[in-house]
Amino acid sequence: MKYVNKEFNAILNINSENIKKNYLTLKKLAKDAEVASCVKANAYGLGMIEICSILKKMKCKSFFVATVEEALLLRNKFKSINIYLLNGINNISDCKKLVKNRIIIVINNTSQFLILKEAYNYFNFKILSGIHLDTGMNRLGWSQEDIDKYYMFLKKYLDLKLVMTHMISSEKKSSLNRKQLDKFNKIKKKFSFNKNIKFSLSNSNAIFLGKNYHFNLVRAGGFLYGLDLSNKNQSKTVVSLQAKVIQISKVNAGKSIGYGAEYIAKKNLKIATLAIGYADGLPRNYKGYAVYKSNKVPFVGRISMDLSCIDVTKLKKISVNDWVEIFGRKLSVSLFSDTCNTIPYETTCRIGPRVKRIYNI
């Protein structure tokens, strides 16, 4: 396997063709809805600007981010797309910047609404916005009571483009799914005054629950990037994390490897040191294995900030500058994440900036 940018010691390979295939899969499933893309958290660690460029070429026109910084960065690169800010705002200064840059501000509570009302008085026009309803997550979002209380003010001060909620357990069969659907349908009726409002209930996994969950906009995230939480929807593999061998050494029986002398060699070993550590997203307590040319090679000793060690005693040949897979083609990101007692979303979000992102391989 050949790689470019030889000066990098760890690489995240991103298969843009499979991102496109995953996007088309969701478009086929939600054929009557707009498929928007979540690119928050640097597109789940894959690179927000690059991923947005890929999806924009697929005619995706709406993108969701979490922070003000993400929204403004995305607008600086892409002038014509719809950008939705999920976390809302907490001061009028940020609000003015967002309004000037045509960011659609999702408001999650009354305090955020009051900031948008202040912006209305400043600009003297209705503010591009969305409303996030809480249908059971109890994390962000308006309650039914507050919607009823502020309903007339929302109509007066906001140019509403979106009414949304967030699913709790869409990756599995749950009675909560139907309860949220019913609650969202009831609240949705309040906003029939504007036929241009988009309604959004589904994240990636909820798209697979059926047409009743699609409404007219779905928010695709992890599935696009091959991070299928359900392990059944079969998204195409997108990411492959590789690390370079920078040293090969012999460790005699009875000698320790790594910090704290936690690992003691029971026999003479051949050890390969990889230029990847917890600063790059490899968990410090990882006890799994890497893959070299289809061979499983276990990690030994504690993961360091910049380095980690694997036992390659059984390999006939391995050399400095060879590449070893941490996860991807031979070891899925889901299995890797299970070993780390987490989910693929966290795994890719944690990949550090020193790891070079390479696209279109």
Protein backbone atom coordinates (compact mmCIF):
# COMPACT_ATOMS: atom_id res chain seq x y z
CA MET A 1 0.00 0.00 0.00
CA LYS A 2 1.47 3.34 -1.04
CA TYR A 3 1.00 6.64 0.74
CA VAL A 4 1.82 10.24 -0.02
CA ASN A 5 3.17 12.85 2.41
CA LYS A 6 5.90 10.62 3.79
CA GLU A 7 6.80 13.20 6.43
CA PHE A 8 3.70 12.22 8.40
CA ASN A 9 3.87 9.36 10.86
CA ALA A 10 0.14 8.79 11.28
CA ILE A 11 -2.55 9.09 8.63
CA LEU A 12 -6.33 8.98 8.61
CA ASN A 13 -7.36 7.73 5.18
CA ILE A 14 -10.81 8.97 4.18
CA ASN A 15 -12.59 7.26 1.31
CA SER A 16 -14.58 10.08 -0.25
CA GLU A 17 -16.20 7.74 -2.78
CA ASN A 18 -17.77 5.76 0.04
CA ILE A 19 -19.01 8.97 1.66
CA LYS A 20 -20.80 9.69 -1.62
CA LYS A 21 -22.25 6.16 -1.69
CA ASN A 22 -23.49 6.47 1.89
CA TYR A 23 -25.08 9.81 1.04
CA LEU A 24 -26.87 8.30 -1.96
CA THR A 25 -28.12 5.42 0.20
CA LEU A 26 -29.79 7.90 2.54
CA LYS A 27 -31.20 9.94 -0.33
CA LYS A 28 -32.79 6.79 -1.71
CA LEU A 29 -34.31 5.91 1.67
CA ALA A 30 -35.57 9.45 2.35
CA LYS A 31 -36.53 10.23 -1.24
CA ASP A 32 -39.22 12.75 -0.29
CA ALA A 33 -37.02 14.67 2.16
CA GLU A 34 -33.97 16.87 1.91
CA VAL A 35 -30.87 15.07 3.18
CA ALA A 36 -28.80 17.57 5.15
CA SER A 37 -25.36 16.76 6.56
CA CYS A 38 -24.00 17.18 10.07
CA VAL A 39 -20.41 18.42 9.89
CA LYS A 40 -20.04 19.52 13.51
CA ALA A 41 -16.92 18.59 15.50
CA ASN A 42 -14.79 18.92 12.36
CA ALA A 43 -17.13 16.49 10.56
CA TYR A 44 -16.74 13.93 13.35
CA GLY A 45 -12.97 14.34 13.09
CA LEU A 46 -12.74 13.82 9.32
CA GLY A 47 -12.25 17.47 8.31
CA MET A 48 -15.23 19.82 8.04
CA ILE A 49 -14.17 21.86 5.01
CA GLU A 50 -13.09 18.86 2.96
CA ILE A 51 -16.19 16.83 3.82
CA CYS A 52 -18.45 19.76 3.03
CA SER A 53 -16.75 20.11 -0.35
CA ILE A 54 -17.38 16.43 -1.11
CA LEU A 55 -21.03 16.57 -0.12
CA LYS A 56 -21.68 19.90 -1.82
CA LYS A 57 -20.65 18.26 -5.10
CA MET A 58 -23.36 15.67 -4.36
CA LYS A 59 -25.92 18.53 -4.35
CA CYS A 60 -26.17 18.62 -0.56
CA LYS A 61 -27.18 22.20 0.26
CA SER A 62 -27.74 22.22 4.05
CA PHE A 63 -25.17 21.63 6.77
CA PHE A 64 -25.41 21.50 10.56
CA VAL A 65 -22.68 22.69 12.94
CA ALA A 66 -22.56 23.04 16.72
CA THR A 67 -20.59 26.21 17.46
CA VAL A 68 -20.39 29.81 16.31
CA GLU A 69 -16.77 29.27 15.25
CA GLU A 70 -17.73 26.31 13.07
CA ALA A 71 -20.56 28.25 11.45
CA LEU A 72 -18.41 31.26 10.56
CA LEU A 73 -15.54 29.11 9.29
CA LEU A 74 -17.92 27.19 7.04
CA ARG A 75 -19.51 30.37 5.73
CA ASN A 76 -16.11 31.82 4.93
CA LYS A 77 -15.47 28.87 2.62
CA PHE A 78 -18.97 28.34 1.20
CA LYS A 79 -21.15 31.33 0.38
CA SER A 80 -24.30 29.66 -0.94
CA ILE A 81 -25.04 26.73 1.38
CA ASN A 82 -27.55 26.72 4.25
CA ILE A 83 -25.76 26.59 7.61
CA TYR A 84 -27.68 25.68 10.75
CA LEU A 85 -26.16 26.44 14.16
CA LEU A 86 -27.40 23.75 16.56
CA ASN A 87 -26.17 25.05 19.91
CA GLY A 88 -27.60 28.53 19.44
CA ILE A 89 -26.04 31.68 20.86
CA ASN A 90 -25.40 33.26 24.26
CA ASN A 91 -24.57 36.88 23.43
CA ILE A 92 -25.68 39.61 21.06
CA SER A 93 -22.19 40.14 19.59
CA ASP A 94 -22.05 36.59 18.19
CA CYS A 95 -25.66 36.90 17.09
CA LYS A 96 -24.92 39.96 14.95
CA LYS A 97 -22.03 38.17 13.23
CA LEU A 98 -24.24 35.20 12.48
CA VAL A 99 -27.08 37.30 11.14
CA LYS A 100 -24.71 39.19 8.82
CA ASN A 101 -23.40 35.85 7.53
CA ARG A 102 -26.88 34.40 6.95
CA ILE A 103 -26.44 31.62 9.49
CA ILE A 104 -29.70 29.97 10.54
CA ILE A 105 -29.60 30.11 14.34
CA VAL A 106 -31.36 27.24 16.08
CA ILE A 107 -32.80 28.54 19.35
CA ASN A 108 -33.12 26.08 22.19
CA ASN A 109 -34.69 28.09 25.01
CA THR A 110 -36.19 31.42 25.99
CA SER A 111 -32.88 33.09 26.90
CA GLN A 112 -31.56 32.45 23.40
CA PHE A 113 -34.82 33.73 21.93
CA LEU A 114 -34.47 37.00 23.85
CA ILE A 115 -31.06 37.54 22.23
CA LEU A 116 -32.63 37.08 18.81
CA LYS A 117 -35.38 39.51 19.77
CA GLU A 118 -32.67 42.06 20.60
CA ALA A 119 -31.11 41.37 17.19
CA TYR A 120 -34.49 42.00 15.57
CA ASN A 121 -34.60 45.44 17.19
CA TYR A 122 -31.06 46.13 15.98
CA PHE A 123 -31.52 45.02 12.36
CA ASN A 124 -35.24 45.75 12.07
CA PHE A 125 -35.97 42.49 10.25
CA LYS A 126 -36.91 38.96 11.26
CA ILE A 127 -33.94 36.77 12.13
CA LEU A 128 -33.18 33.58 10.19
CA SER A 129 -33.74 30.86 12.75
CA GLY A 130 -34.86 27.39 13.71
CA ILE A 131 -36.55 26.03 16.81
CA HIS A 132 -35.37 22.96 18.67
CA LEU A 133 -38.16 21.19 20.55
CA ASP A 134 -37.45 18.90 23.49
CA THR A 135 -39.45 15.71 22.96
CA GLY A 136 -37.73 13.66 25.63
CA MET A 137 -33.95 14.06 25.42
CA ASN A 138 -33.97 16.65 28.25
CA ARG A 139 -30.71 18.12 27.00
CA LEU A 140 -31.50 21.11 24.78
CA GLY A 141 -34.77 22.39 23.44
CA TRP A 142 -38.02 24.20 24.15
CA SER A 143 -40.65 22.62 26.34
CA GLN A 144 -44.25 22.47 25.16
CA GLU A 145 -45.15 24.98 27.86
CA ASP A 146 -42.61 27.56 26.72
CA ILE A 147 -43.64 27.14 23.09
CA ASP A 148 -47.21 27.89 24.09
CA LYS A 149 -46.12 30.90 26.14
CA TYR A 150 -43.91 32.51 23.48
CA TYR A 151 -45.72 31.33 20.38
CA MET A 152 -46.92 34.75 19.17
CA PHE A 153 -43.51 36.30 19.82
CA LEU A 154 -41.79 33.56 17.79
CA LYS A 155 -44.01 34.40 14.85
CA LYS A 156 -43.32 38.12 15.21
CA TYR A 157 -39.55 38.18 15.56
CA LEU A 158 -38.30 35.08 13.74
CA ASP A 159 -37.97 34.12 10.11
CA LEU A 160 -38.45 30.44 10.86
CA LYS A 161 -36.77 27.98 8.50
CA LEU A 162 -36.65 24.87 10.68
CA VAL A 163 -38.50 23.12 13.50
CA MET A 164 -36.56 20.13 14.82
CA THR A 165 -36.11 17.70 17.66
CA HIS A 166 -33.56 15.01 18.44
CA MET A 167 -34.11 11.28 18.77
CA ILE A 168 -33.09 9.47 21.95
CA SER A 169 -32.72 5.84 20.88
CA SER A 170 -33.04 5.70 17.10
CA GLU A 171 -30.20 3.18 16.73
CA LYS A 172 -32.37 0.45 18.27
CA LYS A 173 -35.99 -0.65 18.54
CA SER A 174 -37.52 1.38 21.34
CA SER A 175 -40.95 2.53 22.38
CA LEU A 176 -39.36 5.96 22.85
CA ASN A 177 -39.12 6.36 19.09
CA ARG A 178 -42.87 6.25 18.58
CA LYS A 179 -43.50 8.47 21.60
CA GLN A 180 -41.18 11.13 20.21
CA LEU A 181 -42.77 10.87 16.78
CA ASP A 182 -46.26 11.38 18.24
CA LYS A 183 -45.13 14.31 20.36
CA PHE A 184 -43.36 15.97 17.43
CA ASN A 185 -46.42 15.58 15.22
CA LYS A 186 -48.61 17.29 17.82
CA ILE A 187 -46.29 20.26 18.25
CA LYS A 188 -45.71 20.48 14.50
CA LYS A 189 -49.32 21.53 13.96
CA LYS A 190 -48.61 24.83 15.72
CA PHE A 191 -46.29 25.89 12.92
CA SER A 192 -48.64 25.34 9.99
CA PHE A 193 -48.81 29.12 9.53
CA ASN A 194 -45.64 28.97 7.41
CA LYS A 195 -45.50 26.47 4.54
CA ASN A 196 -41.79 27.11 4.01
CA ILE A 197 -40.71 25.70 7.37
CA LYS A 198 -38.66 22.50 7.25
CA PHE A 199 -39.48 19.86 9.87
CA SER A 200 -36.74 17.52 11.05
CA LEU A 201 -36.91 14.55 13.41
CA SER A 202 -34.47 12.03 11.94
CA ASN A 203 -30.79 11.68 12.51
CA SER A 204 -28.94 9.00 10.51
CA ASN A 205 -30.35 5.98 12.32
CA ALA A 206 -33.89 7.32 12.45
CA ILE A 207 -33.96 7.46 8.65
CA PHE A 208 -34.09 3.65 8.76
CA LEU A 209 -37.20 3.72 10.98
CA GLY A 210 -39.38 4.55 7.98
CA LYS A 211 -41.04 7.31 6.05
CA ASN A 212 -43.12 8.57 8.99
CA TYR A 213 -39.91 9.75 10.63
CA HIS A 214 -38.53 11.65 7.64
CA PHE A 215 -40.78 14.73 7.35
CA ASN A 216 -39.11 17.09 4.85
CA LEU A 217 -35.55 17.24 6.18
CA VAL A 218 -33.30 14.55 7.69
CA ARG A 219 -29.97 15.23 9.38
CA ALA A 220 -27.36 12.69 8.27
CA GLY A 221 -24.27 12.31 10.41
CA GLY A 222 -22.38 9.19 11.44
CA PHE A 223 -23.77 6.95 8.71
CA LEU A 224 -22.22 9.21 6.06
CA TYR A 225 -18.80 8.64 7.59
CA GLY A 226 -19.12 4.87 8.01
CA LEU A 227 -19.84 5.17 11.73
CA ASP A 228 -22.97 3.02 11.98
CA LEU A 229 -24.08 2.80 15.62
CA SER A 230 -26.67 0.12 14.91
CA ASN A 231 -24.13 -2.24 13.30
CA LYS A 232 -26.89 -3.36 10.94
CA ASN A 233 -27.47 -0.55 8.43
CA GLN A 234 -24.23 -1.41 6.63
CA SER A 235 -22.73 1.92 5.74
CA LYS A 236 -19.66 1.76 3.52
CA THR A 237 -16.31 1.91 5.30
CA VAL A 238 -14.87 5.43 5.12
CA VAL A 239 -12.01 5.78 7.61
CA SER A 240 -8.77 3.90 8.08
CA LEU A 241 -6.22 5.00 10.69
CA GLN A 242 -2.60 4.07 9.90
CA ALA A 243 0.58 4.53 11.91
CA LYS A 244 4.22 4.24 10.83
CA VAL A 245 6.80 1.92 12.37
CA ILE A 246 9.73 4.10 13.51
CA GLN A 247 11.79 1.52 15.41
CA ILE A 248 12.13 -2.24 15.72
CA SER A 249 13.96 -3.67 18.71
CA LYS A 250 14.49 -6.83 20.74
CA VAL A 251 13.21 -7.08 24.30
CA ASN A 252 14.49 -9.99 26.37
CA ALA A 253 12.34 -12.06 28.71
CA GLY A 254 11.86 -10.37 32.06
CA LYS A 255 12.27 -6.85 30.69
CA SER A 256 9.47 -4.27 30.86
CA ILE A 257 7.89 -2.23 28.09
CA GLY A 258 6.45 1.25 28.51
CA TYR A 259 5.59 3.50 31.44
CA GLY A 260 5.18 2.00 34.89
CA ALA A 261 6.75 -1.31 33.87
CA GLU A 262 3.17 -2.51 33.55
CA TYR A 263 4.04 -5.06 30.88
CA ILE A 264 6.78 -7.65 31.48
CA ALA A 265 7.96 -9.81 28.59
CA LYS A 266 7.48 -13.49 29.35
CA LYS A 267 9.81 -14.48 26.52
CA ASN A 268 12.17 -12.82 24.09
CA LEU A 269 10.17 -10.44 21.89
CA LYS A 270 10.50 -8.37 18.76
CA ILE A 271 8.82 -5.01 19.34
CA ALA A 272 7.81 -2.39 16.78
CA THR A 273 7.34 1.16 18.01
CA LEU A 274 4.60 3.15 16.28
CA ALA A 275 4.51 6.94 15.95
CA ILE A 276 1.03 7.28 17.41
CA GLY A 277 -0.17 7.83 20.94
CA TYR A 278 -2.95 9.24 23.04
CA ALA A 279 -2.27 12.76 21.72
CA ASP A 280 -3.33 11.37 18.35
CA GLY A 281 -6.49 9.68 19.63
CA LEU A 282 -5.27 6.20 20.55
CA PRO A 283 -6.65 5.64 24.08
CA ARG A 284 -3.99 5.37 26.78
CA ASN A 285 -5.50 2.16 28.14
CA TYR A 286 -6.06 0.44 24.77
CA LYS A 287 -5.50 -3.33 25.09
CA GLY A 288 -6.39 -4.45 21.58
CA TYR A 289 -4.38 -5.14 18.47
CA ALA A 290 -3.27 -3.51 15.24
CA VAL A 291 -3.11 -5.17 11.82
CA TYR A 292 -0.06 -5.57 9.60
CA LYS A 293 -0.71 -7.24 6.23
CA SER A 294 -3.69 -9.17 7.63
CA ASN A 295 -1.73 -10.21 10.74
CA LYS A 296 -3.05 -9.23 14.15
CA VAL A 297 -0.30 -7.73 16.29
CA PRO A 298 -1.14 -6.94 19.94
CA PHE A 299 -0.31 -3.69 21.67
CA VAL A 300 1.97 -4.15 24.68
CA GLY A 301 2.68 -1.74 27.49
CA ARG A 302 0.92 1.55 28.12
CA ILE A 303 0.13 3.85 25.22
CA SER A 304 2.30 6.97 25.52
CA MET A 305 1.50 10.50 24.39
CA ASP A 306 3.33 10.11 21.07
CA LEU A 307 4.25 6.43 20.85
CA SER A 308 2.93 2.92 21.26
CA CYS A 309 4.41 -0.55 20.99
CA ILE A 310 3.21 -3.71 19.28
CA ASP A 311 4.48 -7.28 19.54
CA VAL A 312 5.63 -8.38 16.08
CA THR A 313 7.57 -11.46 17.20
CA LYS A 314 5.53 -13.80 14.99
CA LEU A 315 6.06 -11.74 11.83
CA LYS A 316 8.77 -12.93 9.46
CA LYS A 317 9.35 -9.47 8.07
CA ILE A 318 8.45 -5.97 9.15
CA SER A 319 10.57 -2.87 8.63
CA VAL A 320 10.96 0.69 9.81
CA ASN A 321 8.67 2.98 7.75
CA ASP A 322 6.12 0.22 7.20
CA TRP A 323 2.51 1.14 7.90
CA VAL A 324 0.28 -0.59 10.43
CA GLU A 325 -3.50 -0.29 10.54
CA ILE A 326 -5.05 0.79 13.85
CA PHE A 327 -8.57 0.43 12.48
CA GLY A 328 -10.25 0.56 9.11
CA ARG A 329 -10.16 -2.16 6.45
CA LYS A 330 -9.09 -5.18 8.52
CA LEU A 331 -10.34 -4.04 11.93
CA SER A 332 -13.56 -2.05 11.77
CA VAL A 333 -13.87 1.21 13.65
CA SER A 334 -16.90 -0.33 15.42
CA LEU A 335 -14.89 -3.27 16.78
CA PHE A 336 -12.05 -0.96 17.74
CA SER A 337 -14.50 1.30 19.57
CA ASP A 338 -16.11 -1.64 21.36
CA THR A 339 -12.68 -2.61 22.69
CA CYS A 340 -12.28 0.97 23.94
CA ASN A 341 -15.74 0.83 25.58
CA THR A 342 -16.99 3.70 23.45
CA ILE A 343 -18.68 4.40 20.10
CA PRO A 344 -17.22 5.15 16.66
CA TYR A 345 -18.35 8.80 16.88
CA GLU A 346 -16.05 9.42 19.85
CA THR A 347 -13.23 7.43 18.27
CA THR A 348 -12.99 9.61 15.16
CA CYS A 349 -13.69 12.88 17.02
CA ARG A 350 -10.68 12.17 19.25
CA ILE A 351 -8.20 11.78 16.39
CA GLY A 352 -5.69 14.59 16.90
CA PRO A 353 -4.55 17.30 14.49
CA ARG A 354 -1.09 15.71 14.03
CA VAL A 355 -2.74 12.88 12.15
CA LYS A 356 -2.75 13.77 8.45
CA ARG A 357 -6.16 13.47 6.77
CA ILE A 358 -5.87 12.07 3.24
CA TYR A 359 -8.87 11.94 0.89
CA ASN A 360 -9.78 10.03 -2.29
CA ILE A 361 -7.68 6.92 -1.77
